[in-house]
Amino acid sequence: MVANVRGRRPDQPREMTGKIEMELEILSKEDAEAKPAGKGQEEPNENPHLDPPNRPATSFLWFTSPWKSLRYIIWNNYKWYIIGGLILLLIIAMIGLFPYSALIPPYSALIPTA
C-alpha cells in the first residue's frame, strides 16, 4: 500500500509553518525483510532509492559569509530600529554641534591686532 500524505502542525491550525510531502509504504513483515532499506541515505539505499539532496554550492554558514548572516538575520529583523537609531544619532549630533558652533567665536576674532 502506497499513500501520499500532507500534514500540518495541530497546535497551530491557522498558521502555515511549513510544508511536507511524504510517501509512506506499509509492508508486511515478509515483504519488509525481502526489500531492506537504510535510514535516510544510508546503505542499502533502495526501496526507494534516494538521490543526494540538490543543495547550492555555497552554504549559509556565518563564518564563511558573515555579511550574508548579518543581512538575513539582523537586518531583516531590526532594519527600522537601526535606521531610527542612526537618524536619532544624527539629530543629537546636530543639536549638540549647533550651540558649539554658535557660541564659540571664530579663531580670527581671538587674534590680537597690533
Protein backbone atom coordinates (compact mmCIF):
# COMPACT_ATOMS: atom_id res chain seq x y z
CA MET A 1 0.00 0.00 0.00
CA VAL A 2 1.42 3.39 -1.00
CA ALA A 3 -0.04 6.65 0.27
CA ASN A 4 0.83 10.29 -0.23
CA VAL A 5 0.30 12.28 2.96
CA ARG A 6 0.13 16.03 3.54
CA GLY A 7 0.24 17.35 7.06
CA ARG A 8 0.25 20.38 9.32
CA ARG A 9 1.02 21.09 12.96
CA PRO A 10 -2.05 20.52 15.12
CA ASP A 11 -1.02 23.07 17.74
CA GLN A 12 -1.09 25.89 15.14
CA PRO A 13 -4.14 25.19 13.00
CA ARG A 14 -4.38 28.57 11.22
CA GLU A 15 -0.72 29.40 10.73
CA MET A 16 1.26 27.88 7.87
CA THR A 17 4.62 26.94 9.39
CA GLY A 18 5.93 24.78 6.58
CA LYS A 19 5.04 22.04 4.15
CA ILE A 20 5.97 18.41 4.00
CA GLU A 21 5.15 15.86 1.38
CA MET A 22 5.83 12.27 2.28
CA GLU A 23 5.37 8.93 0.62
CA LEU A 24 4.58 6.11 3.03
CA GLU A 25 4.70 2.44 2.12
CA ILE A 26 3.28 -0.09 4.57
CA LEU A 27 4.63 -3.61 4.09
CA SER A 28 4.07 -6.96 5.70
CA LYS A 29 6.97 -8.42 7.67
CA GLU A 30 7.92 -10.79 4.85
CA ASP A 31 7.95 -8.01 2.25
CA ALA A 32 9.98 -5.75 4.58
CA GLU A 33 12.63 -8.44 5.04
CA ALA A 34 12.74 -9.05 1.29
CA LYS A 35 13.17 -5.32 0.48
CA PRO A 36 15.59 -3.85 3.08
CA ALA A 37 16.08 -0.10 3.33
CA GLY A 38 18.52 2.03 5.30
CA LYS A 39 17.73 5.14 7.31
CA GLY A 40 17.88 8.22 5.12
CA GLN A 41 20.58 7.73 2.50
CA GLU A 42 22.45 5.00 4.39
CA GLU A 43 23.04 1.64 2.78
CA PRO A 44 21.10 -0.14 1.45
CA ASN A 45 19.81 2.95 -0.35
CA GLU A 46 16.99 1.33 -2.28
CA ASN A 47 13.25 0.77 -1.99
CA PRO A 48 13.04 3.70 -2.82
CA HIS A 49 16.43 4.97 -3.99
CA LEU A 50 17.15 8.43 -2.53
CA ASP A 51 19.25 10.77 -4.65
CA PRO A 52 21.64 13.14 -2.89
CA PRO A 53 19.97 16.45 -1.99
CA ASN A 54 20.27 19.26 -4.53
CA ARG A 55 21.88 21.96 -2.37
CA PRO A 56 23.58 25.13 -3.59
CA ALA A 57 27.37 25.16 -3.73
CA THR A 58 27.61 27.87 -1.09
CA SER A 59 26.13 27.08 2.25
CA PHE A 60 24.71 29.57 4.72
CA LEU A 61 27.38 29.37 7.41
CA TRP A 62 28.05 32.51 9.41
CA PHE A 63 31.84 32.09 9.39
CA THR A 64 32.05 31.68 5.61
CA SER A 65 29.86 34.67 4.87
CA PRO A 66 29.32 36.94 7.89
CA TRP A 67 27.79 39.75 5.81
CA LYS A 68 25.12 37.40 4.48
CA SER A 69 24.24 36.30 8.01
CA LEU A 70 24.09 39.93 9.14
CA ARG A 71 21.82 40.73 6.23
CA TYR A 72 19.41 37.84 6.66
CA ILE A 73 19.35 37.62 10.46
CA ILE A 74 19.96 41.10 11.83
CA TRP A 75 18.99 43.47 9.02
CA ASN A 76 15.67 41.78 8.18
CA ASN A 77 14.59 41.75 11.83
CA TYR A 78 15.99 45.08 13.08
CA LYS A 79 16.11 47.25 9.94
CA TRP A 80 13.83 50.02 11.21
CA TYR A 81 15.46 50.10 14.65
CA ILE A 82 18.88 50.56 13.03
CA ILE A 83 17.64 53.31 10.67
CA GLY A 84 15.80 55.05 13.51
CA GLY A 85 18.89 54.86 15.74
CA LEU A 86 21.09 56.39 13.01
CA ILE A 87 18.60 59.22 12.43
CA LEU A 88 18.39 59.84 16.19
CA LEU A 89 22.20 59.94 16.42
CA LEU A 90 22.32 62.44 13.54
CA ILE A 91 19.73 64.68 15.21
CA ILE A 92 21.57 64.54 18.56
CA ALA A 93 24.86 65.40 16.82
CA MET A 94 23.24 68.37 15.08
CA ILE A 95 21.67 69.62 18.31
CA GLY A 96 24.99 69.19 20.14
CA LEU A 97 27.13 70.87 17.48
CA PHE A 98 24.83 73.84 16.88
CA PRO A 99 25.45 75.56 20.24
CA TYR A 100 29.15 74.73 20.00
CA SER A 101 29.47 76.43 16.63
CA ALA A 102 27.17 79.33 17.53
CA LEU A 103 28.64 80.24 20.95
CA ILE A 104 32.37 79.77 20.30
CA PRO A 105 33.75 82.80 18.45
CA PRO A 106 35.74 82.16 15.33
CA TYR A 107 39.53 81.84 15.68
CA SER A 108 40.20 85.04 13.69
CA ALA A 109 38.42 87.09 16.37
CA LEU A 110 40.88 85.92 19.03
CA ILE A 111 44.00 87.14 17.19
CA PRO A 112 45.14 90.46 18.71
CA THR A 113 45.65 93.33 16.34
CA ALA A 114 48.89 95.23 16.77
